[in-house]
Amino acid sequence: MEIRQCALDALLLADPAEKAAAASVLYREFERMTLSPTAPPGPADPHNLPGRPARPELLSHTQVARRSPATPEGRAALLHAVAHIELNAINLALDAIWRFDGMPPDYYRDWARVAAEEAHHFSLLRAHLRSQGCDYGDFPAHQGLWTMCERTAHDVTARMALVPRTLEARGLDAAPPMQAKLRHVGTPDALAAVAILDVILRDEIGHVAIGNRWYRWLCDRDGLEPVAHYRLLTRLHQAPAPKPPLNIAARRLAGFTEEEF
């Protein structure tokens, strides 16, 4: 089996459970696979990438209603939104493997690890939703993460800058306030969700650190000044700014510098 072909095959799967399982197998079997220096050809129609389930309905982020976690339905909608982010994060990690040529083997190994951990997160969240009488796909969702993936499809440096260390880093900031609201609710399902978010936050620090590592490696390789080039990329690709309050402790663990703060 070839690593980048397996990543593409998993990326094209529409069924979320099958995609999560394939991502887990990719990382588990990584050392037994071969690694091609060139990407396998993608689908003729790029709109078929990634494979998507028939549900949930995808809306603009401005159309997705926010619900209070004080109600069971609101908590389910909140955790569904996180599950959707985690499913998209599997796609992002798989895409980073198959799409970009010329990176060291450790780059592909890192992103295989990320894909497997995102698959674990999605599976935890889906099991939690099912324990509450609903499932992934029962609420509308938005596609913001994949939009940035498309914008950075031809520039691995932009991808590292604007997906893991920008969009995914926002998750480091969002998790503690979300957990505080769920702790305040205090019901067994809310506290179970807090525990799942603990797992996700721990792993996401590592994922953002991987983005930081490879962004700086690419800047060093290409003679780019990381902070100045990041500012350029955010303007060029219309990346969103961080929303305070920032989780400074988590961002430091993920490798952000004082200059970047």
Protein backbone atom coordinates (compact mmCIF):
# COMPACT_ATOMS: atom_id res chain seq x y z
CA MET A 1 0.00 0.00 0.00
CA GLU A 2 1.17 3.54 -0.78
CA ILE A 3 0.65 6.23 1.84
CA ARG A 4 -0.52 9.10 -0.34
CA GLN A 5 -2.88 6.93 -2.37
CA CYS A 6 -4.41 5.59 0.83
CA ALA A 7 -4.84 9.16 2.09
CA LEU A 8 -6.62 10.14 -1.12
CA ASP A 9 -8.81 7.03 -1.01
CA ALA A 10 -9.84 7.88 2.57
CA LEU A 11 -10.43 11.51 1.63
CA LEU A 12 -12.86 10.45 -1.10
CA LEU A 13 -14.96 8.27 1.22
CA ALA A 14 -18.40 9.75 1.88
CA ASP A 15 -19.40 7.71 4.92
CA PRO A 16 -18.00 9.39 8.08
CA ALA A 17 -17.46 6.12 9.96
CA GLU A 18 -15.61 4.59 7.01
CA LYS A 19 -13.47 7.73 6.64
CA ALA A 20 -12.58 7.72 10.34
CA ALA A 21 -11.69 4.03 10.21
CA ALA A 22 -9.55 4.51 7.09
CA ALA A 23 -7.68 7.41 8.71
CA SER A 24 -6.95 5.25 11.74
CA VAL A 25 -5.66 2.40 9.57
CA LEU A 26 -3.43 4.79 7.62
CA TYR A 27 -1.56 5.85 10.74
CA ARG A 28 -1.47 2.37 12.25
CA GLU A 29 0.00 0.88 9.06
CA PHE A 30 2.13 3.90 8.11
CA GLU A 31 5.52 2.27 8.73
CA ARG A 32 4.58 -0.73 6.57
CA MET A 33 3.60 1.41 3.57
CA THR A 34 5.62 2.95 0.77
CA LEU A 35 5.77 6.71 0.19
CA SER A 36 5.58 8.14 -3.31
CA PRO A 37 7.41 11.41 -4.07
CA THR A 38 4.50 12.52 -6.26
CA ALA A 39 0.82 12.87 -5.50
CA PRO A 40 -1.64 10.40 -7.01
CA PRO A 41 -4.11 12.05 -9.39
CA GLY A 42 -7.22 13.43 -7.74
CA PRO A 43 -10.77 13.19 -9.08
CA ALA A 44 -11.49 14.73 -12.48
CA ASP A 45 -14.08 16.99 -10.84
CA PRO A 46 -12.53 18.78 -7.83
CA HIS A 47 -16.03 19.33 -6.45
CA ASN A 48 -16.01 15.61 -5.57
CA LEU A 49 -13.25 16.31 -3.06
CA PRO A 50 -13.66 15.54 -0.23
CA GLY A 51 -16.23 12.76 -0.12
CA ARG A 52 -19.21 14.01 1.87
CA PRO A 53 -22.25 12.30 3.38
CA ALA A 54 -25.73 13.30 2.21
CA ARG A 55 -26.29 14.94 5.61
CA PRO A 56 -25.81 17.37 7.30
CA GLU A 57 -27.21 20.19 5.23
CA LEU A 58 -24.36 22.65 4.58
CA LEU A 59 -25.12 26.35 5.03
CA SER A 60 -23.17 29.57 5.21
CA HIS A 61 -21.72 30.07 8.69
CA THR A 62 -24.01 33.09 9.09
CA GLN A 63 -27.07 30.87 8.53
CA VAL A 64 -26.23 28.28 11.19
CA ALA A 65 -28.28 29.14 14.25
CA ARG A 66 -26.60 29.21 17.66
CA ARG A 67 -28.37 27.37 20.45
CA SER A 68 -27.94 27.69 24.19
CA PRO A 69 -26.19 24.76 25.90
CA ALA A 70 -28.72 25.19 28.70
CA THR A 71 -31.13 22.91 26.81
CA PRO A 72 -30.57 19.28 25.72
CA GLU A 73 -31.16 20.23 22.07
CA GLY A 74 -28.76 23.14 22.38
CA ARG A 75 -26.05 20.92 23.83
CA ALA A 76 -26.60 18.39 21.05
CA ALA A 77 -26.34 21.15 18.43
CA LEU A 78 -23.13 22.44 20.02
CA LEU A 79 -21.49 19.00 20.07
CA HIS A 80 -22.73 18.36 16.53
CA ALA A 81 -20.92 21.51 15.40
CA VAL A 82 -17.72 20.28 17.04
CA ALA A 83 -18.17 16.84 15.43
CA HIS A 84 -18.49 18.52 12.04
CA ILE A 85 -15.26 20.43 12.64
CA GLU A 86 -13.50 17.19 13.59
CA LEU A 87 -14.76 15.40 10.46
CA ASN A 88 -13.49 18.29 8.35
CA ALA A 89 -10.20 18.12 10.24
CA ILE A 90 -9.81 14.47 9.13
CA ASN A 91 -10.25 15.68 5.56
CA LEU A 92 -7.72 18.49 6.04
CA ALA A 93 -5.07 16.14 7.39
CA LEU A 94 -5.63 13.58 4.61
CA ASP A 95 -5.50 16.35 2.01
CA ALA A 96 -2.19 17.62 3.44
CA ILE A 97 -0.76 14.12 2.90
CA TRP A 98 -1.88 13.40 -0.65
CA ARG A 99 -1.67 16.88 -2.16
CA PHE A 100 1.79 18.27 -1.43
CA ASP A 101 4.98 16.90 -2.99
CA GLY A 102 8.56 17.34 -1.86
CA MET A 103 8.11 17.17 1.90
CA PRO A 104 10.20 14.98 4.26
CA PRO A 105 8.75 11.64 5.40
CA ASP A 106 8.18 13.07 8.90
CA TYR A 107 5.71 15.58 7.39
CA TYR A 108 3.50 12.78 6.04
CA ARG A 109 3.85 10.81 9.29
CA ASP A 110 2.81 13.86 11.32
CA TRP A 111 -0.31 14.42 9.26
CA ALA A 112 -1.22 10.73 9.34
CA ARG A 113 -1.10 11.00 13.13
CA VAL A 114 -3.31 14.09 13.02
CA ALA A 115 -5.83 12.34 10.77
CA ALA A 116 -6.04 9.39 13.17
CA GLU A 117 -6.48 11.59 16.23
CA GLU A 118 -9.17 13.68 14.50
CA ALA A 119 -10.90 10.40 13.63
CA HIS A 120 -10.83 9.46 17.30
CA HIS A 121 -12.32 12.82 18.25
CA PHE A 122 -15.11 12.45 15.70
CA SER A 123 -15.91 8.95 16.93
CA LEU A 124 -16.08 10.13 20.57
CA LEU A 125 -18.42 12.97 19.64
CA ARG A 126 -20.64 10.80 17.45
CA ALA A 127 -20.99 8.23 20.22
CA HIS A 128 -21.91 11.03 22.61
CA LEU A 129 -24.55 12.39 20.21
CA ARG A 130 -26.04 8.93 19.81
CA SER A 131 -26.20 8.54 23.59
CA GLN A 132 -28.41 11.66 23.57
CA GLY A 133 -30.81 10.28 20.94
CA CYS A 134 -29.42 12.02 17.86
CA ASP A 135 -26.63 11.53 15.35
CA TYR A 136 -24.18 13.33 13.13
CA GLY A 137 -26.14 14.87 10.28
CA ASP A 138 -29.19 15.82 12.35
CA PHE A 139 -28.28 19.54 12.47
CA PRO A 140 -27.13 21.94 9.73
CA ALA A 141 -23.41 22.71 9.52
CA HIS A 142 -21.04 25.01 7.65
CA GLN A 143 -17.97 24.33 5.51
CA GLY A 144 -15.58 27.08 6.54
CA LEU A 145 -12.55 24.86 7.19
CA TRP A 146 -12.68 23.27 3.74
CA THR A 147 -13.04 26.68 2.08
CA MET A 148 -9.59 27.63 3.38
CA CYS A 149 -8.29 24.26 2.23
CA GLU A 150 -9.37 25.12 -1.31
CA ARG A 151 -7.80 28.58 -1.13
CA THR A 152 -4.44 27.10 -0.14
CA ALA A 153 -4.52 24.06 -2.43
CA HIS A 154 -1.46 25.14 -4.43
CA ASP A 155 0.77 26.43 -1.62
CA VAL A 156 1.86 24.15 1.21
CA THR A 157 3.30 27.11 3.16
CA ALA A 158 -0.04 28.90 3.05
CA ARG A 159 -1.79 25.68 4.06
CA MET A 160 0.39 25.26 7.13
CA ALA A 161 0.02 28.94 8.01
CA LEU A 162 -3.71 29.27 7.62
CA VAL A 163 -5.26 25.91 8.50
CA PRO A 164 -3.50 24.41 11.55
CA ARG A 165 -1.95 27.56 12.97
CA THR A 166 -4.90 29.86 12.21
CA LEU A 167 -8.23 28.03 11.94
CA GLU A 168 -7.38 25.08 14.17
CA ALA A 169 -5.64 27.36 16.65
CA ARG A 170 -8.98 29.11 17.11
CA GLY A 171 -10.21 25.85 18.60
CA LEU A 172 -7.63 26.23 21.37
CA ASP A 173 -9.28 29.53 22.26
CA ALA A 174 -12.87 28.27 21.92
CA ALA A 175 -12.59 25.14 24.04
CA PRO A 176 -12.23 26.62 27.57
CA PRO A 177 -15.26 28.97 27.33
CA MET A 178 -17.31 26.12 25.85
CA GLN A 179 -16.27 23.83 28.69
CA ALA A 180 -17.11 26.50 31.27
CA LYS A 181 -20.65 26.80 29.92
CA LEU A 182 -21.11 23.03 29.98
CA ARG A 183 -19.74 22.77 33.53
CA HIS A 184 -22.21 25.45 34.57
CA VAL A 185 -25.06 23.34 33.16
CA GLY A 186 -23.71 20.45 35.22
CA THR A 187 -25.89 17.62 33.86
CA PRO A 188 -24.26 14.20 33.27
CA ASP A 189 -24.30 14.65 29.49
CA ALA A 190 -22.79 18.14 29.78
CA LEU A 191 -19.97 16.89 32.02
CA ALA A 192 -19.35 13.96 29.67
CA ALA A 193 -18.97 16.52 26.87
CA VAL A 194 -16.45 18.47 28.98
CA ALA A 195 -14.34 15.31 29.29
CA ILE A 196 -14.42 14.76 25.51
CA LEU A 197 -13.36 18.36 24.96
CA ASP A 198 -10.44 17.80 27.34
CA VAL A 199 -9.19 15.02 25.04
CA ILE A 200 -9.68 17.19 21.96
CA LEU A 201 -7.91 20.21 23.45
CA ARG A 202 -4.92 18.11 24.53
CA ASP A 203 -4.52 16.64 21.05
CA GLU A 204 -5.21 19.89 19.20
CA ILE A 205 -2.29 21.56 20.94
CA GLY A 206 -0.13 18.94 19.26
CA HIS A 207 -1.82 19.45 15.90
CA VAL A 208 -1.25 23.20 15.98
CA ALA A 209 2.36 22.54 17.02
CA ILE A 210 2.75 20.37 13.91
CA GLY A 211 1.45 23.23 11.78
CA ASN A 212 3.88 25.62 13.45
CA ARG A 213 6.76 23.21 12.98
CA TRP A 214 6.21 22.73 9.25
CA TYR A 215 5.36 26.38 8.60
CA ARG A 216 8.70 27.42 10.07
CA TRP A 217 10.53 24.61 8.28
CA LEU A 218 9.09 25.83 4.97
CA CYS A 219 9.96 29.46 5.74
CA ASP A 220 13.54 28.42 6.55
CA ARG A 221 13.74 26.37 3.37
CA ASP A 222 12.50 29.21 1.19
CA GLY A 223 14.23 32.13 2.94
CA LEU A 224 11.01 33.68 4.24
CA GLU A 225 10.62 35.67 7.45
CA PRO A 226 7.81 33.78 9.27
CA VAL A 227 5.96 36.66 10.94
CA ALA A 228 6.03 38.98 7.91
CA HIS A 229 5.09 36.17 5.53
CA TYR A 230 2.21 35.14 7.78
CA ARG A 231 0.81 38.67 7.62
CA LEU A 232 1.05 38.53 3.83
CA LEU A 233 -0.72 35.17 3.64
CA THR A 234 -3.56 36.22 5.92
CA ARG A 235 -4.28 39.21 3.68
CA LEU A 236 -3.87 37.27 0.44
CA HIS A 237 -6.24 34.46 1.48
CA GLN A 238 -8.60 36.53 3.67
CA ALA A 239 -7.95 34.47 6.78
CA PRO A 240 -10.01 35.34 9.87
CA ALA A 241 -8.34 37.05 12.80
CA PRO A 242 -8.25 35.30 16.21
CA LYS A 243 -11.19 36.08 18.46
CA PRO A 244 -10.26 36.96 22.05
CA PRO A 245 -9.94 35.76 24.69
CA LEU A 246 -6.91 33.83 23.44
CA ASN A 247 -5.83 30.66 25.21
CA ILE A 248 -2.30 31.95 25.67
CA ALA A 249 -1.12 28.93 27.68
CA ALA A 250 -2.26 26.46 25.02
CA ARG A 251 -0.88 28.60 22.21
CA ARG A 252 2.52 28.75 23.94
CA LEU A 253 2.51 24.95 24.26
CA ALA A 254 1.71 24.78 20.53
CA GLY A 255 4.82 26.84 19.75
CA PHE A 256 3.61 30.39 19.15
CA THR A 257 6.25 33.00 19.96
CA GLU A 258 6.01 36.19 21.96
CA GLU A 259 6.49 38.17 18.74
CA GLU A 260 3.47 36.42 17.24
CA PHE A 261 1.36 37.20 20.31
